[in-house]
Amino acid sequence: MKNMLVTGGTVFVSRAIASYFAEKDWHVSVLNRNTREQPAGTDLIQADRHALGDALRAYHFDAVIDTAYCAQDVQQLLQALGAMKSMS
């Protein structure tokens, strides 16, 4: 089974993405603040995407779908995943 991270996962596009892949037998984790109901078949990683710190360091994902609003959000997510040594 492949592991996927979806940022958000509770509203509109990100919810549809998370639900779709969960139904296709992916192990889907959603990253959000847990202020709304999570999609069926997903696991919650509760965190604020603007204050991730080490919240994602212990995880491995085969795919990440980030529904970010700006490049800085993507850079912060990559940093939290350990994909970047430093942000430029």
PDB file of N, CA and C in Angstrom:
ATOM      1  N   MET A   1       0.849  -1.177   0.000  1.00  0.00           N
ATOM      2  CA  MET A   1       0.000   0.000   0.000  1.00  0.00           C
ATOM      3  C   MET A   1       0.894   1.239   0.000  1.00  0.00           C
ATOM      4  N   LYS A   2       0.546   2.193  -0.833  1.00  0.00           N
ATOM      5  CA  LYS A   2       1.319   3.426  -0.911  1.00  0.00           C
ATOM      6  C   LYS A   2       0.779   4.448   0.081  1.00  0.00           C
ATOM      7  N   ASN A   3       1.687   5.271   0.589  1.00  0.00           N
ATOM      8  CA  ASN A   3       1.345   6.313   1.559  1.00  0.00           C
ATOM      9  C   ASN A   3       1.300   7.667   0.888  1.00  0.00           C
ATOM     10  N   MET A   4       0.231   8.421   1.178  1.00  0.00           N
ATOM     11  CA  MET A   4       0.071   9.750   0.603  1.00  0.00           C
ATOM     12  C   MET A   4      -0.248  10.749   1.701  1.00  0.00           C
ATOM     13  N   LEU A   5       0.289  11.951   1.540  1.00  0.00           N
ATOM     14  CA  LEU A   5      -0.066  13.071   2.404  1.00  0.00           C
ATOM     15  C   LEU A   5      -0.844  14.074   1.569  1.00  0.00           C
ATOM     16  N   VAL A   6      -1.966  14.523   2.106  1.00  0.00           N
ATOM     17  CA  VAL A   6      -2.748  15.579   1.483  1.00  0.00           C
ATOM     18  C   VAL A   6      -2.867  16.705   2.495  1.00  0.00           C
ATOM     19  N   THR A   7      -2.409  17.903   2.112  1.00  0.00           N
ATOM     20  CA  THR A   7      -2.578  19.029   3.018  1.00  0.00           C
ATOM     21  C   THR A   7      -4.034  19.469   2.960  1.00  0.00           C
ATOM     22  N   GLY A   8      -4.550  19.847   4.096  1.00  0.00           N
ATOM     23  CA  GLY A   8      -5.973  20.186   4.181  1.00  0.00           C
ATOM     24  C   GLY A   8      -6.764  18.904   4.298  1.00  0.00           C
ATOM     25  N   GLY A   9      -7.455  18.565   3.242  1.00  0.00           N
ATOM     26  CA  GLY A   9      -8.186  17.309   3.217  1.00  0.00           C
ATOM     27  C   GLY A   9      -9.611  17.379   3.724  1.00  0.00           C
ATOM     28  N   THR A  10     -10.070  18.561   4.094  1.00  0.00           N
ATOM     29  CA  THR A  10     -11.425  18.642   4.644  1.00  0.00           C
ATOM     30  C   THR A  10     -12.377  19.506   3.835  1.00  0.00           C
ATOM     31  N   VAL A  11     -11.862  20.241   2.864  1.00  0.00           N
ATOM     32  CA  VAL A  11     -12.717  21.157   2.107  1.00  0.00           C
ATOM     33  C   VAL A  11     -12.423  21.018   0.614  1.00  0.00           C
ATOM     34  N   PHE A  12     -13.450  21.111  -0.165  1.00  0.00           N
ATOM     35  CA  PHE A  12     -13.425  21.227  -1.622  1.00  0.00           C
ATOM     36  C   PHE A  12     -12.421  20.291  -2.290  1.00  0.00           C
ATOM     37  N   VAL A  13     -11.412  20.816  -2.962  1.00  0.00           N
ATOM     38  CA  VAL A  13     -10.507  20.006  -3.771  1.00  0.00           C
ATOM     39  C   VAL A  13      -9.701  19.028  -2.928  1.00  0.00           C
ATOM     40  N   SER A  14      -9.133  19.491  -1.820  1.00  0.00           N
ATOM     41  CA  SER A  14      -8.298  18.593  -1.020  1.00  0.00           C
ATOM     42  C   SER A  14      -9.114  17.447  -0.423  1.00  0.00           C
ATOM     43  N   ARG A  15     -10.356  17.697  -0.063  1.00  0.00           N
ATOM     44  CA  ARG A  15     -11.224  16.630   0.452  1.00  0.00           C
ATOM     45  C   ARG A  15     -11.516  15.598  -0.645  1.00  0.00           C
ATOM     46  N   ALA A  16     -11.794  16.072  -1.847  1.00  0.00           N
ATOM     47  CA  ALA A  16     -12.065  15.165  -2.964  1.00  0.00           C
ATOM     48  C   ALA A  16     -10.831  14.320  -3.283  1.00  0.00           C
ATOM     49  N   ILE A  17      -9.661  14.930  -3.251  1.00  0.00           N
ATOM     50  CA  ILE A  17      -8.416  14.200  -3.501  1.00  0.00           C
ATOM     51  C   ILE A  17      -8.200  13.132  -2.438  1.00  0.00           C
ATOM     52  N   ALA A  18      -8.306  13.512  -1.172  1.00  0.00           N
ATOM     53  CA  ALA A  18      -8.095  12.565  -0.070  1.00  0.00           C
ATOM     54  C   ALA A  18      -9.085  11.409  -0.148  1.00  0.00           C
ATOM     55  N   SER A  19     -10.330  11.708  -0.387  1.00  0.00           N
ATOM     56  CA  SER A  19     -11.364  10.668  -0.476  1.00  0.00           C
ATOM     57  C   SER A  19     -11.107   9.740  -1.658  1.00  0.00           C
ATOM     58  N   TYR A  20     -10.761  10.309  -2.797  1.00  0.00           N
ATOM     59  CA  TYR A  20     -10.513   9.514  -4.003  1.00  0.00           C
ATOM     60  C   TYR A  20      -9.412   8.487  -3.758  1.00  0.00           C
ATOM     61  N   PHE A  21      -8.278   8.939  -3.240  1.00  0.00           N
ATOM     62  CA  PHE A  21      -7.158   8.021  -3.051  1.00  0.00           C
ATOM     63  C   PHE A  21      -7.415   7.031  -1.916  1.00  0.00           C
ATOM     64  N   ALA A  22      -8.132   7.423  -0.889  1.00  0.00           N
ATOM     65  CA  ALA A  22      -8.485   6.480   0.179  1.00  0.00           C
ATOM     66  C   ALA A  22      -9.358   5.355  -0.389  1.00  0.00           C
ATOM     67  N   GLU A  23     -10.263   5.706  -1.290  1.00  0.00           N
ATOM     68  CA  GLU A  23     -11.122   4.703  -1.925  1.00  0.00           C
ATOM     69  C   GLU A  23     -10.340   3.794  -2.879  1.00  0.00           C
ATOM     70  N   LYS A  24      -9.175   4.247  -3.340  1.00  0.00           N
ATOM     71  CA  LYS A  24      -8.324   3.455  -4.235  1.00  0.00           C
ATOM     72  C   LYS A  24      -7.281   2.662  -3.448  1.00  0.00           C
ATOM     73  N   ASP A  25      -7.515   2.503  -2.151  1.00  0.00           N
ATOM     74  CA  ASP A  25      -6.655   1.712  -1.257  1.00  0.00           C
ATOM     75  C   ASP A  25      -5.275   2.291  -1.003  1.00  0.00           C
ATOM     76  N   TRP A  26      -5.138   3.587  -1.114  1.00  0.00           N
ATOM     77  CA  TRP A  26      -3.926   4.240  -0.646  1.00  0.00           C
ATOM     78  C   TRP A  26      -4.091   4.474   0.850  1.00  0.00           C
ATOM     79  N   HIS A  27      -2.992   4.519   1.578  1.00  0.00           N
ATOM     80  CA  HIS A  27      -3.026   4.962   2.968  1.00  0.00           C
ATOM     81  C   HIS A  27      -2.875   6.477   2.919  1.00  0.00           C
ATOM     82  N   VAL A  28      -3.944   7.193   3.219  1.00  0.00           N
ATOM     83  CA  VAL A  28      -3.967   8.651   3.082  1.00  0.00           C
ATOM     84  C   VAL A  28      -3.947   9.314   4.456  1.00  0.00           C
ATOM     85  N   SER A  29      -2.953  10.182   4.638  1.00  0.00           N
ATOM     86  CA  SER A  29      -2.906  11.025   5.834  1.00  0.00           C
ATOM     87  C   SER A  29      -3.256  12.434   5.398  1.00  0.00           C
ATOM     88  N   VAL A  30      -4.084  13.096   6.193  1.00  0.00           N
ATOM     89  CA  VAL A  30      -4.422  14.487   5.921  1.00  0.00           C
ATOM     90  C   VAL A  30      -3.797  15.348   7.007  1.00  0.00           C
ATOM     91  N   LEU A  31      -3.245  16.459   6.602  1.00  0.00           N
ATOM     92  CA  LEU A  31      -2.593  17.386   7.514  1.00  0.00           C
ATOM     93  C   LEU A  31      -3.475  18.616   7.652  1.00  0.00           C
ATOM     94  N   ASN A  32      -4.029  18.805   8.847  1.00  0.00           N
ATOM     95  CA  ASN A  32      -4.853  19.983   9.088  1.00  0.00           C
ATOM     96  C   ASN A  32      -4.980  20.225  10.584  1.00  0.00           C
ATOM     97  N   ARG A  33      -5.688  21.278  10.953  1.00  0.00           N
ATOM     98  CA  ARG A  33      -5.832  21.673  12.363  1.00  0.00           C
ATOM     99  C   ARG A  33      -6.961  20.949  13.080  1.00  0.00           C
ATOM    100  N   ASN A  34      -7.661  20.053  12.395  1.00  0.00           N
ATOM    101  CA  ASN A  34      -8.741  19.261  12.982  1.00  0.00           C
ATOM    102  C   ASN A  34      -9.921  20.128  13.431  1.00  0.00           C
ATOM    103  N   THR A  35     -10.282  21.068  12.576  1.00  0.00           N
ATOM    104  CA  THR A  35     -11.435  21.921  12.887  1.00  0.00           C
ATOM    105  C   THR A  35     -12.692  21.480  12.145  1.00  0.00           C
ATOM    106  N   ARG A  36     -12.529  20.503  11.244  1.00  0.00           N
ATOM    107  CA  ARG A  36     -13.658  19.963  10.486  1.00  0.00           C
ATOM    108  C   ARG A  36     -13.570  18.447  10.470  1.00  0.00           C
ATOM    109  N   GLU A  37     -14.647  17.814  10.067  1.00  0.00           N
ATOM    110  CA  GLU A  37     -14.678  16.359   9.980  1.00  0.00           C
ATOM    111  C   GLU A  37     -13.691  15.871   8.920  1.00  0.00           C
ATOM    112  N   GLN A  38     -12.971  14.808   9.258  1.00  0.00           N
ATOM    113  CA  GLN A  38     -11.986  14.237   8.346  1.00  0.00           C
ATOM    114  C   GLN A  38     -12.670  13.296   7.350  1.00  0.00           C
ATOM    115  N   PRO A  39     -12.132  13.164   6.154  1.00  0.00           N
ATOM    116  CA  PRO A  39     -12.711  12.239   5.172  1.00  0.00           C
ATOM    117  C   PRO A  39     -12.611  10.795   5.669  1.00  0.00           C
ATOM    118  N   ALA A  40     -13.589   9.995   5.333  1.00  0.00           N
ATOM    119  CA  ALA A  40     -13.584   8.578   5.712  1.00  0.00           C
ATOM    120  C   ALA A  40     -12.355   7.893   5.126  1.00  0.00           C
ATOM    121  N   GLY A  41     -11.764   7.027   5.913  1.00  0.00           N
ATOM    122  CA  GLY A  41     -10.630   6.243   5.449  1.00  0.00           C
ATOM    123  C   GLY A  41      -9.299   6.951   5.473  1.00  0.00           C
ATOM    124  N   THR A  42      -9.223   8.117   6.115  1.00  0.00           N
ATOM    125  CA  THR A  42      -7.965   8.853   6.200  1.00  0.00           C
ATOM    126  C   THR A  42      -7.502   8.933   7.648  1.00  0.00           C
ATOM    127  N   ASP A  43      -6.216   9.179   7.821  1.00  0.00           N
ATOM    128  CA  ASP A  43      -5.640   9.398   9.149  1.00  0.00           C
ATOM    129  C   ASP A  43      -5.267  10.870   9.281  1.00  0.00           C
ATOM    130  N   LEU A  44      -5.518  11.405  10.445  1.00  0.00           N
ATOM    131  CA  LEU A  44      -5.238  12.813  10.708  1.00  0.00           C
ATOM    132  C   LEU A  44      -3.835  12.999  11.267  1.00  0.00           C
ATOM    133  N   ILE A  45      -3.118  13.950  10.705  1.00  0.00           N
ATOM    134  CA  ILE A  45      -1.917  14.500  11.321  1.00  0.00           C
ATOM    135  C   ILE A  45      -2.312  15.924  11.693  1.00  0.00           C
ATOM    136  N   GLN A  46      -2.559  16.135  12.963  1.00  0.00           N
ATOM    137  CA  GLN A  46      -3.066  17.436  13.408  1.00  0.00           C
ATOM    138  C   GLN A  46      -1.913  18.406  13.613  1.00  0.00           C
ATOM    139  N   ALA A  47      -1.916  19.453  12.809  1.00  0.00           N
ATOM    140  CA  ALA A  47      -0.892  20.491  12.893  1.00  0.00           C
ATOM    141  C   ALA A  47      -1.336  21.677  12.064  1.00  0.00           C
ATOM    142  N   ASP A  48      -0.776  22.818  12.385  1.00  0.00           N
ATOM    143  CA  ASP A  48      -0.979  24.026  11.590  1.00  0.00           C
ATOM    144  C   ASP A  48       0.138  24.075  10.558  1.00  0.00           C
ATOM    145  N   ARG A  49      -0.197  24.153   9.295  1.00  0.00           N
ATOM    146  CA  ARG A  49       0.818  24.114   8.243  1.00  0.00           C
ATOM    147  C   ARG A  49       1.817  25.258   8.338  1.00  0.00           C
ATOM    148  N   HIS A  50       1.486  26.320   9.082  1.00  0.00           N
ATOM    149  CA  HIS A  50       2.401  27.444   9.245  1.00  0.00           C
ATOM    150  C   HIS A  50       3.265  27.314  10.486  1.00  0.00           C
ATOM    151  N   ALA A  51       3.146  26.207  11.201  1.00  0.00           N
ATOM    152  CA  ALA A  51       3.964  25.945  12.398  1.00  0.00           C
ATOM    153  C   ALA A  51       4.205  24.446  12.500  1.00  0.00           C
ATOM    154  N   LEU A  52       4.813  23.854  11.478  1.00  0.00           N
ATOM    155  CA  LEU A  52       4.965  22.403  11.420  1.00  0.00           C
ATOM    156  C   LEU A  52       6.090  21.864  12.290  1.00  0.00           C
ATOM    157  N   GLY A  53       7.175  22.616  12.414  1.00  0.00           N
ATOM    158  CA  GLY A  53       8.297  22.121  13.203  1.00  0.00           C
ATOM    159  C   GLY A  53       8.703  20.736  12.730  1.00  0.00           C
ATOM    160  N   ASP A  54       8.776  19.782  13.662  1.00  0.00           N
ATOM    161  CA  ASP A  54       9.166  18.404  13.344  1.00  0.00           C
ATOM    162  C   ASP A  54       7.968  17.467  13.207  1.00  0.00           C
ATOM    163  N   ALA A  55       6.779  17.990  13.022  1.00  0.00           N
ATOM    164  CA  ALA A  55       5.556  17.178  13.009  1.00  0.00           C
ATOM    165  C   ALA A  55       5.554  16.090  11.938  1.00  0.00           C
ATOM    166  N   LEU A  56       6.324  16.271  10.875  1.00  0.00           N
ATOM    167  CA  LEU A  56       6.300  15.305   9.764  1.00  0.00           C
ATOM    168  C   LEU A  56       7.581  14.496   9.623  1.00  0.00           C
ATOM    169  N   ARG A  57       8.572  14.773  10.442  1.00  0.00           N
ATOM    170  CA  ARG A  57       9.889  14.138  10.281  1.00  0.00           C
ATOM    171  C   ARG A  57       9.847  12.619  10.373  1.00  0.00           C
ATOM    172  N   ALA A  58       8.953  12.052  11.151  1.00  0.00           N
ATOM    173  CA  ALA A  58       8.906  10.600  11.356  1.00  0.00           C
ATOM    174  C   ALA A  58       8.131   9.864  10.265  1.00  0.00           C
ATOM    175  N   TYR A  59       7.548  10.589   9.344  1.00  0.00           N
ATOM    176  CA  TYR A  59       6.701   9.982   8.316  1.00  0.00           C
ATOM    177  C   TYR A  59       7.444   9.809   7.000  1.00  0.00           C
ATOM    178  N   HIS A  60       6.986   8.834   6.212  1.00  0.00           N
ATOM    179  CA  HIS A  60       7.458   8.656   4.837  1.00  0.00           C
ATOM    180  C   HIS A  60       6.224   8.609   3.938  1.00  0.00           C
ATOM    181  N   PHE A  61       6.251   9.369   2.872  1.00  0.00           N
ATOM    182  CA  PHE A  61       5.140   9.392   1.926  1.00  0.00           C
ATOM    183  C   PHE A  61       5.660   9.090   0.531  1.00  0.00           C
ATOM    184  N   ASP A  62       4.906   8.292  -0.202  1.00  0.00           N
ATOM    185  CA  ASP A  62       5.232   8.020  -1.595  1.00  0.00           C
ATOM    186  C   ASP A  62       4.778   9.165  -2.494  1.00  0.00           C
ATOM    187  N   ALA A  63       3.780   9.901  -2.031  1.00  0.00           N
ATOM    188  CA  ALA A  63       3.258  11.047  -2.781  1.00  0.00           C
ATOM    189  C   ALA A  63       2.741  12.087  -1.799  1.00  0.00           C
ATOM    190  N   VAL A  64       2.897  13.343  -2.175  1.00  0.00           N
ATOM    191  CA  VAL A  64       2.382  14.462  -1.376  1.00  0.00           C
ATOM    192  C   VAL A  64       1.605  15.366  -2.316  1.00  0.00           C
ATOM    193  N   ILE A  65       0.374  15.665  -1.937  1.00  0.00           N
ATOM    194  CA  ILE A  65      -0.428  16.618  -2.701  1.00  0.00           C
ATOM    195  C   ILE A  65      -0.680  17.808  -1.789  1.00  0.00           C
ATOM    196  N   ASP A  66      -0.111  18.920  -2.175  1.00  0.00           N
ATOM    197  CA  ASP A  66      -0.195  20.136  -1.368  1.00  0.00           C
ATOM    198  C   ASP A  66      -1.093  21.129  -2.087  1.00  0.00           C
ATOM    199  N   THR A  67      -2.156  21.509  -1.438  1.00  0.00           N
ATOM    200  CA  THR A  67      -3.095  22.468  -2.017  1.00  0.00           C
ATOM    201  C   THR A  67      -2.795  23.872  -1.494  1.00  0.00           C
ATOM    202  N   ALA A  68      -1.510  24.213  -1.506  1.00  0.00           N
ATOM    203  CA  ALA A  68      -1.029  25.479  -0.958  1.00  0.00           C
ATOM    204  C   ALA A  68      -1.512  26.671  -1.761  1.00  0.00           C
ATOM    205  N   TYR A  69      -1.472  27.828  -1.110  1.00  0.00           N
ATOM    206  CA  TYR A  69      -1.867  29.076  -1.741  1.00  0.00           C
ATOM    207  C   TYR A  69      -0.685  29.863  -2.284  1.00  0.00           C
ATOM    208  N   CYS A  70       0.521  29.572  -1.785  1.00  0.00           N
ATOM    209  CA  CYS A  70       1.674  30.340  -2.247  1.00  0.00           C
ATOM    210  C   CYS A  70       2.953  29.511  -2.118  1.00  0.00           C
ATOM    211  N   ALA A  71       4.000  29.984  -2.769  1.00  0.00           N
ATOM    212  CA  ALA A  71       5.277  29.266  -2.785  1.00  0.00           C
ATOM    213  C   ALA A  71       5.854  29.092  -1.385  1.00  0.00           C
ATOM    214  N   GLN A  72       5.678  30.066  -0.522  1.00  0.00           N
ATOM    215  CA  GLN A  72       6.201  29.971   0.841  1.00  0.00           C
ATOM    216  C   GLN A  72       5.578  28.783   1.582  1.00  0.00           C
ATOM    217  N   ASP A  73       4.286  28.525   1.362  1.00  0.00           N
ATOM    218  CA  ASP A  73       3.629  27.363   1.984  1.00  0.00           C
ATOM    219  C   ASP A  73       4.297  26.067   1.531  1.00  0.00           C
ATOM    220  N   VAL A  74       4.614  25.975   0.251  1.00  0.00           N
ATOM    221  CA  VAL A  74       5.254  24.777  -0.288  1.00  0.00           C
ATOM    222  C   VAL A  74       6.657  24.628   0.310  1.00  0.00           C
ATOM    223  N   GLN A  75       7.405  25.703   0.391  1.00  0.00           N
ATOM    224  CA  GLN A  75       8.742  25.653   0.973  1.00  0.00           C
ATOM    225  C   GLN A  75       8.700  25.198   2.427  1.00  0.00           C
ATOM    226  N   GLN A  76       7.736  25.704   3.190  1.00  0.00           N
ATOM    227  CA  GLN A  76       7.620  25.298   4.591  1.00  0.00           C
ATOM    228  C   GLN A  76       7.274  23.818   4.708  1.00  0.00           C
ATOM    229  N   LEU A  77       6.413  23.318   3.833  1.00  0.00           N
ATOM    230  CA  LEU A  77       6.066  21.905   3.858  1.00  0.00           C
ATOM    231  C   LEU A  77       7.282  21.049   3.501  1.00  0.00           C
ATOM    232  N   LEU A  78       8.020  21.429   2.475  1.00  0.00           N
ATOM    233  CA  LEU A  78       9.222  20.685   2.106  1.00  0.00           C
ATOM    234  C   LEU A  78      10.238  20.673   3.241  1.00  0.00           C
ATOM    235  N   GLN A  79      10.385  21.785   3.906  1.00  0.00           N
ATOM    236  CA  GLN A  79      11.292  21.878   5.057  1.00  0.00           C
ATOM    237  C   GLN A  79      10.843  20.904   6.153  1.00  0.00           C
ATOM    238  N   ALA A  80       9.564  20.880   6.456  1.00  0.00           N
ATOM    239  CA  ALA A  80       9.039  20.006   7.505  1.00  0.00           C
ATOM    240  C   ALA A  80       9.178  18.528   7.143  1.00  0.00           C
ATOM    241  N   LEU A  81       9.124  18.220   5.851  1.00  0.00           N
ATOM    242  CA  LEU A  81       9.293  16.841   5.396  1.00  0.00           C
ATOM    243  C   LEU A  81      10.774  16.438   5.339  1.00  0.00           C
ATOM    244  N   GLY A  82      11.657  17.399   5.550  1.00  0.00           N
ATOM    245  CA  GLY A  82      13.081  17.108   5.482  1.00  0.00           C
ATOM    246  C   GLY A  82      13.612  17.096   4.072  1.00  0.00           C
ATOM    247  N   ALA A  83      12.841  17.609   3.126  1.00  0.00           N
ATOM    248  CA  ALA A  83      13.238  17.591   1.728  1.00  0.00           C
ATOM    249  C   ALA A  83      14.172  18.740   1.380  1.00  0.00           C
ATOM    250  N   MET A  84      14.245  19.737   2.248  1.00  0.00           N
ATOM    251  CA  MET A  84      15.119  20.886   1.993  1.00  0.00           C
ATOM    252  C   MET A  84      15.978  21.108   3.219  1.00  0.00           C
ATOM    253  N   LYS A  85      17.261  21.335   3.005  1.00  0.00           N
ATOM    254  CA  LYS A  85      18.162  21.622   4.125  1.00  0.00           C
ATOM    255  C   LYS A  85      17.901  23.035   4.662  1.00  0.00           C
ATOM    256  N   SER A  86      17.623  23.950   3.773  1.00  0.00           N
ATOM    257  CA  SER A  86      17.310  25.321   4.189  1.00  0.00           C
ATOM    258  C   SER A  86      16.443  25.970   3.131  1.00  0.00           C
ATOM    259  N   MET A  87      15.663  26.913   3.555  1.00  0.00           N
ATOM    260  CA  MET A  87      14.819  27.640   2.604  1.00  0.00           C
ATOM    261  C   MET A  87      15.605  28.817   2.042  1.00  0.00           C
ATOM    262  N   SER A  88      15.406  29.078   0.764  1.00  0.00           N
ATOM    263  CA  SER A  88      16.092  30.211   0.159  1.00  0.00           C
ATOM    264  C   SER A  88      15.135  31.333  -0.086  1.00  0.00           C
TER     265      SER A  88
END
